[in-house]
Amino acid sequence: MATVDTFKHVKDTQNFSAGSIIFNEGDQGDLMYVVQEGELEVYYRNKVIETIGPGGLVGEMALVDQSPRSATVIAKTDCKLVCLDETGFKIHVSHTPFFAVQVMRIMVERLRRMLQYVV
C-alpha cells in the first residue's frame, strides 16, 4: 500500500495503547489518522481485513463524504498517530497534490478489498 511520508516528522501526535479502539464502524468521524509508529488493525464484519503500519492512514473517508465510519480500527500495538481534521486534510490536499493521489489510491485499494466481502 502507498505510504504517507508527509507526516513522519509532525510533533503533534496522539498515543494509543495496544488494544485501544481508535473508532468503531458506524461512528461519526471528524478526524483521519496517520500512523507514525506502531500498527493498527482494520475490522469489517468482525474480521481483520487490513493491518496498517507507519505511513499508513485510516479515517480518510469520513473527511471526504462525512459518512459514518465504514470499519472498526483498533491499535494492534502501542501507536503514535497524527490526527488530521477536515480543514487540515483540505489544506494538505490543496498544497500537496501527491498527498491527494496517495489518499485516492488508498481509498481505491480499500474499496476493492471491501467488495470482496460483499457477496
PDB file of N, CA and C in Angstrom:
ATOM      1  N   MET A   1       0.836  -1.172   0.000  1.00  0.00           N
ATOM      2  CA  MET A   1       0.000   0.000   0.000  1.00  0.00           C
ATOM      3  C   MET A   1       0.884   1.240   0.000  1.00  0.00           C
ATOM      4  N   ALA A   2       0.372   2.288  -0.606  1.00  0.00           N
ATOM      5  CA  ALA A   2       1.099   3.557  -0.618  1.00  0.00           C
ATOM      6  C   ALA A   2       1.262   4.065   0.806  1.00  0.00           C
ATOM      7  N   THR A   3       2.356   4.738   1.060  1.00  0.00           N
ATOM      8  CA  THR A   3       2.573   5.314   2.387  1.00  0.00           C
ATOM      9  C   THR A   3       2.505   6.824   2.313  1.00  0.00           C
ATOM     10  N   VAL A   4       2.243   7.410   3.434  1.00  0.00           N
ATOM     11  CA  VAL A   4       2.150   8.856   3.508  1.00  0.00           C
ATOM     12  C   VAL A   4       3.296   9.349   4.381  1.00  0.00           C
ATOM     13  N   ASP A   5       4.363   9.840   3.733  1.00  0.00           N
ATOM     14  CA  ASP A   5       5.556  10.288   4.455  1.00  0.00           C
ATOM     15  C   ASP A   5       5.463  11.743   4.910  1.00  0.00           C
ATOM     16  N   THR A   6       4.482  12.456   4.411  1.00  0.00           N
ATOM     17  CA  THR A   6       4.335  13.875   4.714  1.00  0.00           C
ATOM     18  C   THR A   6       4.301  14.153   6.214  1.00  0.00           C
ATOM     19  N   PHE A   7       3.833  13.198   7.000  1.00  0.00           N
ATOM     20  CA  PHE A   7       3.578  13.426   8.418  1.00  0.00           C
ATOM     21  C   PHE A   7       4.588  12.765   9.345  1.00  0.00           C
ATOM     22  N   LYS A   8       5.658  12.200   8.825  1.00  0.00           N
ATOM     23  CA  LYS A   8       6.542  11.418   9.683  1.00  0.00           C
ATOM     24  C   LYS A   8       7.316  12.256  10.696  1.00  0.00           C
ATOM     25  N   HIS A   9       7.410  13.564  10.497  1.00  0.00           N
ATOM     26  CA  HIS A   9       8.142  14.403  11.446  1.00  0.00           C
ATOM     27  C   HIS A   9       7.226  15.337  12.242  1.00  0.00           C
ATOM     28  N   VAL A  10       5.921  15.168  12.100  1.00  0.00           N
ATOM     29  CA  VAL A  10       4.971  16.000  12.842  1.00  0.00           C
ATOM     30  C   VAL A  10       5.086  15.683  14.332  1.00  0.00           C
ATOM     31  N   LYS A  11       5.135  16.722  15.145  1.00  0.00           N
ATOM     32  CA  LYS A  11       5.301  16.549  16.600  1.00  0.00           C
ATOM     33  C   LYS A  11       3.963  16.440  17.330  1.00  0.00           C
ATOM     34  N   ASP A  12       2.897  17.007  16.765  1.00  0.00           N
ATOM     35  CA  ASP A  12       1.586  16.993  17.416  1.00  0.00           C
ATOM     36  C   ASP A  12       0.909  15.652  17.134  1.00  0.00           C
ATOM     37  N   THR A  13       1.108  14.696  18.037  1.00  0.00           N
ATOM     38  CA  THR A  13       0.600  13.342  17.841  1.00  0.00           C
ATOM     39  C   THR A  13      -0.240  12.914  19.038  1.00  0.00           C
ATOM     40  N   GLN A  14      -0.938  11.810  18.854  1.00  0.00           N
ATOM     41  CA  GLN A  14      -1.727  11.217  19.925  1.00  0.00           C
ATOM     42  C   GLN A  14      -1.271   9.775  20.093  1.00  0.00           C
ATOM     43  N   ASN A  15      -1.086   9.346  21.334  1.00  0.00           N
ATOM     44  CA  ASN A  15      -0.648   7.980  21.619  1.00  0.00           C
ATOM     45  C   ASN A  15      -1.834   7.100  21.982  1.00  0.00           C
ATOM     46  N   PHE A  16      -1.817   5.863  21.480  1.00  0.00           N
ATOM     47  CA  PHE A  16      -2.833   4.865  21.791  1.00  0.00           C
ATOM     48  C   PHE A  16      -2.124   3.593  22.231  1.00  0.00           C
ATOM     49  N   SER A  17      -2.620   2.979  23.290  1.00  0.00           N
ATOM     50  CA  SER A  17      -2.071   1.710  23.772  1.00  0.00           C
ATOM     51  C   SER A  17      -2.610   0.565  22.932  1.00  0.00           C
ATOM     52  N   ALA A  18      -1.851  -0.529  22.875  1.00  0.00           N
ATOM     53  CA  ALA A  18      -2.315  -1.733  22.177  1.00  0.00           C
ATOM     54  C   ALA A  18      -3.692  -2.110  22.717  1.00  0.00           C
ATOM     55  N   GLY A  19      -4.606  -2.422  21.800  1.00  0.00           N
ATOM     56  CA  GLY A  19      -5.965  -2.795  22.175  1.00  0.00           C
ATOM     57  C   GLY A  19      -6.946  -1.639  22.222  1.00  0.00           C
ATOM     58  N   SER A  20      -6.452  -0.409  22.139  1.00  0.00           N
ATOM     59  CA  SER A  20      -7.339   0.762  22.161  1.00  0.00           C
ATOM     60  C   SER A  20      -8.150   0.833  20.874  1.00  0.00           C
ATOM     61  N   ILE A  21      -9.406   1.182  21.015  1.00  0.00           N
ATOM     62  CA  ILE A  21     -10.265   1.385  19.845  1.00  0.00           C
ATOM     63  C   ILE A  21     -10.053   2.811  19.357  1.00  0.00           C
ATOM     64  N   ILE A  22      -9.647   2.937  18.113  1.00  0.00           N
ATOM     65  CA  ILE A  22      -9.451   4.263  17.514  1.00  0.00           C
ATOM     66  C   ILE A  22     -10.815   4.816  17.112  1.00  0.00           C
ATOM     67  N   PHE A  23     -11.608   3.989  16.442  1.00  0.00           N
ATOM     68  CA  PHE A  23     -13.010   4.299  16.167  1.00  0.00           C
ATOM     69  C   PHE A  23     -13.741   3.019  15.802  1.00  0.00           C
ATOM     70  N   ASN A  24     -15.075   3.065  15.937  1.00  0.00           N
ATOM     71  CA  ASN A  24     -15.936   1.925  15.634  1.00  0.00           C
ATOM     72  C   ASN A  24     -16.720   2.157  14.351  1.00  0.00           C
ATOM     73  N   GLU A  25     -16.999   1.069  13.650  1.00  0.00           N
ATOM     74  CA  GLU A  25     -17.878   1.133  12.490  1.00  0.00           C
ATOM     75  C   GLU A  25     -19.182   1.796  12.915  1.00  0.00           C
ATOM     76  N   GLY A  26     -19.650   2.737  12.104  1.00  0.00           N
ATOM     77  CA  GLY A  26     -20.896   3.435  12.395  1.00  0.00           C
ATOM     78  C   GLY A  26     -20.721   4.745  13.144  1.00  0.00           C
ATOM     79  N   ASP A  27     -19.552   4.958  13.761  1.00  0.00           N
ATOM     80  CA  ASP A  27     -19.289   6.231  14.444  1.00  0.00           C
ATOM     81  C   ASP A  27     -19.246   7.364  13.428  1.00  0.00           C
ATOM     82  N   GLN A  28     -19.638   8.555  13.856  1.00  0.00           N
ATOM     83  CA  GLN A  28     -19.405   9.738  13.034  1.00  0.00           C
ATOM     84  C   GLN A  28     -17.927  10.081  13.166  1.00  0.00           C
ATOM     85  N   GLY A  29     -17.329  10.515  12.084  1.00  0.00           N
ATOM     86  CA  GLY A  29     -15.903  10.807  12.119  1.00  0.00           C
ATOM     87  C   GLY A  29     -15.591  12.221  11.705  1.00  0.00           C
ATOM     88  N   ASP A  30     -14.671  12.847  12.430  1.00  0.00           N
ATOM     89  CA  ASP A  30     -14.221  14.178  12.047  1.00  0.00           C
ATOM     90  C   ASP A  30     -12.698  14.266  11.993  1.00  0.00           C
ATOM     91  N   LEU A  31     -12.038  13.105  12.114  1.00  0.00           N
ATOM     92  CA  LEU A  31     -10.581  13.050  12.042  1.00  0.00           C
ATOM     93  C   LEU A  31     -10.131  11.881  11.188  1.00  0.00           C
ATOM     94  N   MET A  32      -8.999  12.044  10.531  1.00  0.00           N
ATOM     95  CA  MET A  32      -8.292  10.909   9.951  1.00  0.00           C
ATOM     96  C   MET A  32      -6.997  10.776  10.733  1.00  0.00           C
ATOM     97  N   TYR A  33      -6.390   9.610  10.643  1.00  0.00           N
ATOM     98  CA  TYR A  33      -5.197   9.321  11.429  1.00  0.00           C
ATOM     99  C   TYR A  33      -4.103   8.786  10.520  1.00  0.00           C
ATOM    100  N   VAL A  34      -2.887   9.288  10.715  1.00  0.00           N
ATOM    101  CA  VAL A  34      -1.711   8.797  10.006  1.00  0.00           C
ATOM    102  C   VAL A  34      -0.823   8.121  11.041  1.00  0.00           C
ATOM    103  N   VAL A  35      -0.400   6.900  10.750  1.00  0.00           N
ATOM    104  CA  VAL A  35       0.416   6.138  11.695  1.00  0.00           C
ATOM    105  C   VAL A  35       1.869   6.600  11.599  1.00  0.00           C
ATOM    106  N   GLN A  36       2.404   7.094  12.710  1.00  0.00           N
ATOM    107  CA  GLN A  36       3.833   7.418  12.790  1.00  0.00           C
ATOM    108  C   GLN A  36       4.609   6.225  13.326  1.00  0.00           C
ATOM    109  N   GLU A  37       4.048   5.577  14.340  1.00  0.00           N
ATOM    110  CA  GLU A  37       4.685   4.405  14.953  1.00  0.00           C
ATOM    111  C   GLU A  37       3.602   3.399  15.312  1.00  0.00           C
ATOM    112  N   GLY A  38       3.948   2.114  15.222  1.00  0.00           N
ATOM    113  CA  GLY A  38       3.026   1.059  15.627  1.00  0.00           C
ATOM    114  C   GLY A  38       2.194   0.525  14.474  1.00  0.00           C
ATOM    115  N   GLU A  39       1.188  -0.283  14.839  1.00  0.00           N
ATOM    116  CA  GLU A  39       0.314  -0.897  13.836  1.00  0.00           C
ATOM    117  C   GLU A  39      -1.136  -0.840  14.288  1.00  0.00           C
ATOM    118  N   LEU A  40      -2.010  -0.651  13.306  1.00  0.00           N
ATOM    119  CA  LEU A  40      -3.450  -0.667  13.512  1.00  0.00           C
ATOM    120  C   LEU A  40      -4.038  -1.850  12.762  1.00  0.00           C
ATOM    121  N   GLU A  41      -5.151  -2.379  13.276  1.00  0.00           N
ATOM    122  CA  GLU A  41      -5.897  -3.406  12.553  1.00  0.00           C
ATOM    123  C   GLU A  41      -7.268  -2.844  12.201  1.00  0.00           C
ATOM    124  N   VAL A  42      -7.675  -3.091  10.949  1.00  0.00           N
ATOM    125  CA  VAL A  42      -8.973  -2.658  10.462  1.00  0.00           C
ATOM    126  C   VAL A  42      -9.883  -3.879  10.432  1.00  0.00           C
ATOM    127  N   TYR A  43     -11.038  -3.758  11.095  1.00  0.00           N
ATOM    128  CA  TYR A  43     -12.009  -4.850  11.177  1.00  0.00           C
ATOM    129  C   TYR A  43     -13.261  -4.493  10.394  1.00  0.00           C
ATOM    130  N   TYR A  44     -13.738  -5.455   9.619  1.00  0.00           N
ATOM    131  CA  TYR A  44     -15.010  -5.326   8.921  1.00  0.00           C
ATOM    132  C   TYR A  44     -15.752  -6.632   9.136  1.00  0.00           C
ATOM    133  N   ARG A  45     -16.969  -6.532   9.657  1.00  0.00           N
ATOM    134  CA  ARG A  45     -17.756  -7.729   9.983  1.00  0.00           C
ATOM    135  C   ARG A  45     -16.968  -8.670  10.892  1.00  0.00           C
ATOM    136  N   ASN A  46     -16.312  -8.095  11.873  1.00  0.00           N
ATOM    137  CA  ASN A  46     -15.539  -8.832  12.889  1.00  0.00           C
ATOM    138  C   ASN A  46     -14.343  -9.602  12.342  1.00  0.00           C
ATOM    139  N   LYS A  47     -13.881  -9.268  11.155  1.00  0.00           N
ATOM    140  CA  LYS A  47     -12.689  -9.894  10.578  1.00  0.00           C
ATOM    141  C   LYS A  47     -11.641  -8.821  10.316  1.00  0.00           C
ATOM    142  N   VAL A  48     -10.385  -9.176  10.576  1.00  0.00           N
ATOM    143  CA  VAL A  48      -9.297  -8.253  10.243  1.00  0.00           C
ATOM    144  C   VAL A  48      -9.135  -8.266   8.728  1.00  0.00           C
ATOM    145  N   ILE A  49      -9.288  -7.113   8.125  1.00  0.00           N
ATOM    146  CA  ILE A  49      -9.147  -7.040   6.665  1.00  0.00           C
ATOM    147  C   ILE A  49      -7.880  -6.309   6.246  1.00  0.00           C
ATOM    148  N   GLU A  50      -7.230  -5.650   7.217  1.00  0.00           N
ATOM    149  CA  GLU A  50      -6.017  -4.912   6.870  1.00  0.00           C
ATOM    150  C   GLU A  50      -5.240  -4.587   8.141  1.00  0.00           C
ATOM    151  N   THR A  51      -3.929  -4.622   8.024  1.00  0.00           N
ATOM    152  CA  THR A  51      -3.041  -4.141   9.081  1.00  0.00           C
ATOM    153  C   THR A  51      -2.290  -2.950   8.511  1.00  0.00           C
ATOM    154  N   ILE A  52      -2.288  -1.860   9.258  1.00  0.00           N
ATOM    155  CA  ILE A  52      -1.702  -0.613   8.775  1.00  0.00           C
ATOM    156  C   ILE A  52      -0.534  -0.226   9.669  1.00  0.00           C
ATOM    157  N   GLY A  53       0.620   0.013   9.041  1.00  0.00           N
ATOM    158  CA  GLY A  53       1.822   0.385   9.777  1.00  0.00           C
ATOM    159  C   GLY A  53       2.216   1.822   9.523  1.00  0.00           C
ATOM    160  N   PRO A  54       3.430   2.188   9.926  1.00  0.00           N
ATOM    161  CA  PRO A  54       3.908   3.560   9.767  1.00  0.00           C
ATOM    162  C   PRO A  54       3.769   4.070   8.331  1.00  0.00           C
ATOM    163  N   GLY A  55       3.225   5.294   8.222  1.00  0.00           N
ATOM    164  CA  GLY A  55       2.988   5.901   6.921  1.00  0.00           C
ATOM    165  C   GLY A  55       1.594   5.649   6.396  1.00  0.00           C
ATOM    166  N   GLY A  56       0.904   4.658   6.953  1.00  0.00           N
ATOM    167  CA  GLY A  56      -0.457   4.364   6.520  1.00  0.00           C
ATOM    168  C   GLY A  56      -1.456   5.297   7.177  1.00  0.00           C
ATOM    169  N   LEU A  57      -2.668   5.295   6.658  1.00  0.00           N
ATOM    170  CA  LEU A  57      -3.689   6.164   7.223  1.00  0.00           C
ATOM    171  C   LEU A  57      -5.031   5.465   7.297  1.00  0.00           C
ATOM    172  N   VAL A  58      -5.875   5.971   8.201  1.00  0.00           N
ATOM    173  CA  VAL A  58      -7.245   5.484   8.355  1.00  0.00           C
ATOM    174  C   VAL A  58      -8.154   6.677   8.628  1.00  0.00           C
ATOM    175  N   GLY A  59      -9.424   6.509   8.312  1.00  0.00           N
ATOM    176  CA  GLY A  59     -10.410   7.528   8.625  1.00  0.00           C
ATOM    177  C   GLY A  59     -10.599   8.586   7.569  1.00  0.00           C
ATOM    178  N   GLU A  60      -9.930   8.430   6.445  1.00  0.00           N
ATOM    179  CA  GLU A  60      -9.976   9.455   5.399  1.00  0.00           C
ATOM    180  C   GLU A  60     -11.351   9.579   4.761  1.00  0.00           C
ATOM    181  N   MET A  61     -12.086   8.474   4.682  1.00  0.00           N
ATOM    182  CA  MET A  61     -13.389   8.513   4.007  1.00  0.00           C
ATOM    183  C   MET A  61     -14.360   9.448   4.719  1.00  0.00           C
ATOM    184  N   ALA A  62     -14.316   9.486   6.041  1.00  0.00           N
ATOM    185  CA  ALA A  62     -15.215  10.359   6.798  1.00  0.00           C
ATOM    186  C   ALA A  62     -14.963  11.832   6.495  1.00  0.00           C
ATOM    187  N   LEU A  63     -13.728  12.170   6.147  1.00  0.00           N
ATOM    188  CA  LEU A  63     -13.421  13.563   5.825  1.00  0.00           C
ATOM    189  C   LEU A  63     -13.828  13.922   4.403  1.00  0.00           C
ATOM    190  N   VAL A  64     -13.929  12.922   3.555  1.00  0.00           N
ATOM    191  CA  VAL A  64     -14.298  13.169   2.165  1.00  0.00           C
ATOM    192  C   VAL A  64     -15.806  13.313   2.014  1.00  0.00           C
ATOM    193  N   ASP A  65     -16.581  12.432   2.690  1.00  0.00           N
ATOM    194  CA  ASP A  65     -18.032  12.464   2.468  1.00  0.00           C
ATOM    195  C   ASP A  65     -18.877  12.588   3.737  1.00  0.00           C
ATOM    196  N   GLN A  66     -18.260  12.783   4.880  1.00  0.00           N
ATOM    197  CA  GLN A  66     -18.947  12.967   6.155  1.00  0.00           C
ATOM    198  C   GLN A  66     -19.891  11.812   6.511  1.00  0.00           C
ATOM    199  N   SER A  67     -19.645  10.631   5.974  1.00  0.00           N
ATOM    200  CA  SER A  67     -20.441   9.449   6.300  1.00  0.00           C
ATOM    201  C   SER A  67     -19.897   8.795   7.559  1.00  0.00           C
ATOM    202  N   PRO A  68     -20.715   7.955   8.209  1.00  0.00           N
ATOM    203  CA  PRO A  68     -20.222   7.216   9.377  1.00  0.00           C
ATOM    204  C   PRO A  68     -19.047   6.311   8.997  1.00  0.00           C
ATOM    205  N   ARG A  69     -18.260   5.948   9.985  1.00  0.00           N
ATOM    206  CA  ARG A  69     -17.101   5.075   9.773  1.00  0.00           C
ATOM    207  C   ARG A  69     -17.548   3.755   9.158  1.00  0.00           C
ATOM    208  N   SER A  70     -16.789   3.272   8.188  1.00  0.00           N
ATOM    209  CA  SER A  70     -17.144   2.049   7.465  1.00  0.00           C
ATOM    210  C   SER A  70     -16.525   0.805   8.078  1.00  0.00           C
ATOM    211  N   ALA A  71     -15.648   0.974   9.064  1.00  0.00           N
ATOM    212  CA  ALA A  71     -14.977  -0.164   9.696  1.00  0.00           C
ATOM    213  C   ALA A  71     -14.570   0.244  11.109  1.00  0.00           C
ATOM    214  N   THR A  72     -14.144  -0.743  11.876  1.00  0.00           N
ATOM    215  CA  THR A  72     -13.608  -0.511  13.217  1.00  0.00           C
ATOM    216  C   THR A  72     -12.090  -0.591  13.134  1.00  0.00           C
ATOM    217  N   VAL A  73     -11.402   0.304  13.822  1.00  0.00           N
ATOM    218  CA  VAL A  73      -9.939   0.310  13.822  1.00  0.00           C
ATOM    219  C   VAL A  73      -9.456   0.223  15.269  1.00  0.00           C
ATOM    220  N   ILE A  74      -8.561  -0.744  15.507  1.00  0.00           N
ATOM    221  CA  ILE A  74      -8.022  -0.996  16.838  1.00  0.00           C
ATOM    222  C   ILE A  74      -6.495  -0.996  16.764  1.00  0.00           C
ATOM    223  N   ALA A  75      -5.865  -0.432  17.784  1.00  0.00           N
ATOM    224  CA  ALA A  75      -4.400  -0.435  17.855  1.00  0.00           C
ATOM    225  C   ALA A  75      -3.920  -1.863  18.114  1.00  0.00           C
ATOM    226  N   LYS A  76      -3.161  -2.407  17.186  1.00  0.00           N
ATOM    227  CA  LYS A  76      -2.584  -3.748  17.348  1.00  0.00           C
ATOM    228  C   LYS A  76      -1.412  -3.691  18.327  1.00  0.00           C
ATOM    229  N   THR A  77      -0.658  -2.611  18.252  1.00  0.00           N
ATOM    230  CA  THR A  77       0.478  -2.368  19.146  1.00  0.00           C
ATOM    231  C   THR A  77       0.314  -0.958  19.710  1.00  0.00           C
ATOM    232  N   ASP A  78       1.182  -0.570  20.614  1.00  0.00           N
ATOM    233  CA  ASP A  78       1.203   0.831  21.033  1.00  0.00           C
ATOM    234  C   ASP A  78       1.469   1.671  19.788  1.00  0.00           C
ATOM    235  N   CYS A  79       0.719   2.756  19.636  1.00  0.00           N
ATOM    236  CA  CYS A  79       0.792   3.559  18.411  1.00  0.00           C
ATOM    237  C   CYS A  79       0.948   5.037  18.713  1.00  0.00           C
ATOM    238  N   LYS A  80       1.609   5.706  17.784  1.00  0.00           N
ATOM    239  CA  LYS A  80       1.673   7.161  17.777  1.00  0.00           C
ATOM    240  C   LYS A  80       1.032   7.589  16.464  1.00  0.00           C
ATOM    241  N   LEU A  81      -0.066   8.360  16.565  1.00  0.00           N
ATOM    242  CA  LEU A  81      -0.831   8.749  15.386  1.00  0.00           C
ATOM    243  C   LEU A  81      -0.891  10.261  15.251  1.00  0.00           C
ATOM    244  N   VAL A  82      -0.830  10.727  14.012  1.00  0.00           N
ATOM    245  CA  VAL A  82      -1.073  12.129  13.696  1.00  0.00           C
ATOM    246  C   VAL A  82      -2.559  12.245  13.386  1.00  0.00           C
ATOM    247  N   CYS A  83      -3.244  13.164  14.041  1.00  0.00           N
ATOM    248  CA  CYS A  83      -4.675  13.379  13.815  1.00  0.00           C
ATOM    249  C   CYS A  83      -4.847  14.579  12.889  1.00  0.00           C
ATOM    250  N   LEU A  84      -5.704  14.422  11.903  1.00  0.00           N
ATOM    251  CA  LEU A  84      -5.914  15.483  10.925  1.00  0.00           C
ATOM    252  C   LEU A  84      -7.408  15.712  10.768  1.00  0.00           C
ATOM    253  N   ASP A  85      -7.864  16.946  11.019  1.00  0.00           N
ATOM    254  CA  ASP A  85      -9.279  17.254  10.849  1.00  0.00           C
ATOM    255  C   ASP A  85      -9.560  17.635   9.395  1.00  0.00           C
ATOM    256  N   GLU A  86     -10.826  17.932   9.108  1.00  0.00           N
ATOM    257  CA  GLU A  86     -11.212  18.211   7.722  1.00  0.00           C
ATOM    258  C   GLU A  86     -10.476  19.418   7.144  1.00  0.00           C
ATOM    259  N   THR A  87     -10.306  20.457   7.934  1.00  0.00           N
ATOM    260  CA  THR A  87      -9.593  21.644   7.451  1.00  0.00           C
ATOM    261  C   THR A  87      -8.147  21.303   7.116  1.00  0.00           C
ATOM    262  N   GLY A  88      -7.474  20.607   8.021  1.00  0.00           N
ATOM    263  CA  GLY A  88      -6.090  20.200   7.771  1.00  0.00           C
ATOM    264  C   GLY A  88      -5.973  19.293   6.567  1.00  0.00           C
ATOM    265  N   PHE A  89      -6.939  18.379   6.426  1.00  0.00           N
ATOM    266  CA  PHE A  89      -6.969  17.473   5.281  1.00  0.00           C
ATOM    267  C   PHE A  89      -7.063  18.272   3.979  1.00  0.00           C
ATOM    268  N   LYS A  90      -7.995  19.226   3.931  1.00  0.00           N
ATOM    269  CA  LYS A  90      -8.175  20.032   2.715  1.00  0.00           C
ATOM    270  C   LYS A  90      -6.927  20.864   2.405  1.00  0.00           C
ATOM    271  N   ILE A  91      -6.284  21.377   3.432  1.00  0.00           N
ATOM    272  CA  ILE A  91      -5.052  22.146   3.221  1.00  0.00           C
ATOM    273  C   ILE A  91      -3.974  21.254   2.613  1.00  0.00           C
ATOM    274  N   HIS A  92      -3.796  20.046   3.176  1.00  0.00           N
ATOM    275  CA  HIS A  92      -2.783  19.130   2.639  1.00  0.00           C
ATOM    276  C   HIS A  92      -3.110  18.712   1.209  1.00  0.00           C
ATOM    277  N   VAL A  93      -4.378  18.463   0.927  1.00  0.00           N
ATOM    278  CA  VAL A  93      -4.778  18.072  -0.431  1.00  0.00           C
ATOM    279  C   VAL A  93      -4.492  19.205  -1.414  1.00  0.00           C
ATOM    280  N   SER A  94      -4.808  20.447  -1.029  1.00  0.00           N
ATOM    281  CA  SER A  94      -4.610  21.557  -1.967  1.00  0.00           C
ATOM    282  C   SER A  94      -3.143  21.954  -2.124  1.00  0.00           C
ATOM    283  N   HIS A  95      -2.348  21.791  -1.078  1.00  0.00           N
ATOM    284  CA  HIS A  95      -0.936  22.191  -1.143  1.00  0.00           C
ATOM    285  C   HIS A  95      -0.002  21.070  -1.587  1.00  0.00           C
ATOM    286  N   THR A  96      -0.464  19.835  -1.470  1.00  0.00           N
ATOM    287  CA  THR A  96       0.388  18.692  -1.798  1.00  0.00           C
ATOM    288  C   THR A  96      -0.397  17.719  -2.675  1.00  0.00           C
ATOM    289  N   PRO A  97      -0.433  17.949  -3.984  1.00  0.00           N
ATOM    290  CA  PRO A  97      -1.195  17.072  -4.865  1.00  0.00           C
ATOM    291  C   PRO A  97      -0.811  15.598  -4.733  1.00  0.00           C
ATOM    292  N   PHE A  98       0.461  15.305  -4.456  1.00  0.00           N
ATOM    293  CA  PHE A  98       0.867  13.912  -4.308  1.00  0.00           C
ATOM    294  C   PHE A  98       0.153  13.265  -3.124  1.00  0.00           C
ATOM    295  N   PHE A  99      -0.065  14.020  -2.050  1.00  0.00           N
ATOM    296  CA  PHE A  99      -0.826  13.518  -0.903  1.00  0.00           C
ATOM    297  C   PHE A  99      -2.234  13.132  -1.343  1.00  0.00           C
ATOM    298  N   ALA A 100      -2.872  13.988  -2.144  1.00  0.00           N
ATOM    299  CA  ALA A 100      -4.224  13.695  -2.634  1.00  0.00           C
ATOM    300  C   ALA A 100      -4.235  12.407  -3.454  1.00  0.00           C
ATOM    301  N   VAL A 101      -3.239  12.213  -4.296  1.00  0.00           N
ATOM    302  CA  VAL A 101      -3.148  10.994  -5.108  1.00  0.00           C
ATOM    303  C   VAL A 101      -2.950   9.778  -4.209  1.00  0.00           C
ATOM    304  N   GLN A 102      -2.108   9.894  -3.185  1.00  0.00           N
ATOM    305  CA  GLN A 102      -1.901   8.774  -2.261  1.00  0.00           C
ATOM    306  C   GLN A 102      -3.202   8.404  -1.557  1.00  0.00           C
ATOM    307  N   VAL A 103      -3.943   9.403  -1.103  1.00  0.00           N
ATOM    308  CA  VAL A 103      -5.214   9.137  -0.427  1.00  0.00           C
ATOM    309  C   VAL A 103      -6.185   8.450  -1.384  1.00  0.00           C
ATOM    310  N   MET A 104      -6.255   8.913  -2.625  1.00  0.00           N
ATOM    311  CA  MET A 104      -7.141   8.271  -3.607  1.00  0.00           C
ATOM    312  C   MET A 104      -6.745   6.821  -3.843  1.00  0.00           C
ATOM    313  N   ARG A 105      -5.459   6.550  -3.953  1.00  0.00           N
ATOM    314  CA  ARG A 105      -5.000   5.165  -4.150  1.00  0.00           C
ATOM    315  C   ARG A 105      -5.399   4.283  -2.976  1.00  0.00           C
ATOM    316  N   ILE A 106      -5.207   4.795  -1.776  1.00  0.00           N
ATOM    317  CA  ILE A 106      -5.573   4.036  -0.584  1.00  0.00           C
ATOM    318  C   ILE A 106      -7.072   3.755  -0.579  1.00  0.00           C
ATOM    319  N   MET A 107      -7.874   4.757  -0.912  1.00  0.00           N
ATOM    320  CA  MET A 107      -9.327   4.565  -0.926  1.00  0.00           C
ATOM    321  C   MET A 107      -9.742   3.537  -1.971  1.00  0.00           C
ATOM    322  N   VAL A 108      -9.129   3.569  -3.139  1.00  0.00           N
ATOM    323  CA  VAL A 108      -9.450   2.597  -4.188  1.00  0.00           C
ATOM    324  C   VAL A 108      -9.062   1.191  -3.750  1.00  0.00           C
ATOM    325  N   GLU A 109      -7.875   1.038  -3.160  1.00  0.00           N
ATOM    326  CA  GLU A 109      -7.448  -0.283  -2.683  1.00  0.00           C
ATOM    327  C   GLU A 109      -8.416  -0.817  -1.639  1.00  0.00           C
ATOM    328  N   ARG A 110      -8.860   0.048  -0.748  1.00  0.00           N
ATOM    329  CA  ARG A 110      -9.797  -0.391   0.295  1.00  0.00           C
ATOM    330  C   ARG A 110     -11.158  -0.727  -0.296  1.00  0.00           C
ATOM    331  N   LEU A 111     -11.608   0.045  -1.250  1.00  0.00           N
ATOM    332  CA  LEU A 111     -12.882  -0.251  -1.902  1.00  0.00           C
ATOM    333  C   LEU A 111     -12.829  -1.612  -2.576  1.00  0.00           C
ATOM    334  N   ARG A 112     -11.773  -1.891  -3.286  1.00  0.00           N
ATOM    335  CA  ARG A 112     -11.628  -3.199  -3.940  1.00  0.00           C
ATOM    336  C   ARG A 112     -11.618  -4.325  -2.909  1.00  0.00           C
ATOM    337  N   ARG A 113     -10.919  -4.118  -1.794  1.00  0.00           N
ATOM    338  CA  ARG A 113     -10.859  -5.132  -0.737  1.00  0.00           C
ATOM    339  C   ARG A 113     -12.244  -5.346  -0.122  1.00  0.00           C
ATOM    340  N   MET A 114     -12.970  -4.255   0.126  1.00  0.00           N
ATOM    341  CA  MET A 114     -14.301  -4.358   0.734  1.00  0.00           C
ATOM    342  C   MET A 114     -15.279  -5.058  -0.202  1.00  0.00           C
ATOM    343  N   LEU A 115     -15.135  -4.855  -1.492  1.00  0.00           N
ATOM    344  CA  LEU A 115     -16.039  -5.501  -2.448  1.00  0.00           C
ATOM    345  C   LEU A 115     -15.933  -7.017  -2.390  1.00  0.00           C
ATOM    346  N   GLN A 116     -14.794  -7.531  -1.967  1.00  0.00           N
ATOM    347  CA  GLN A 116     -14.633  -8.978  -1.822  1.00  0.00           C
ATOM    348  C   GLN A 116     -15.545  -9.529  -0.734  1.00  0.00           C
ATOM    349  N   TYR A 117     -15.927  -8.698   0.229  1.00  0.00           N
ATOM    350  CA  TYR A 117     -16.765  -9.140   1.341  1.00  0.00           C
ATOM    351  C   TYR A 117     -18.251  -8.958   1.060  1.00  0.00           C
ATOM    352  N   VAL A 118     -18.589  -8.295  -0.035  1.00  0.00           N
ATOM    353  CA  VAL A 118     -19.988  -8.040  -0.371  1.00  0.00           C
ATOM    354  C   VAL A 118     -20.442  -9.065  -1.400  1.00  0.00           C
ATOM    355  N   VAL A 119     -20.800 -10.205  -0.906  1.00  0.00           N
ATOM    356  CA  VAL A 119     -21.277 -11.273  -1.800  1.00  0.00           C
ATOM    357  C   VAL A 119     -22.366 -12.044  -1.109  1.00  0.00           C
TER     358      VAL A 119
END
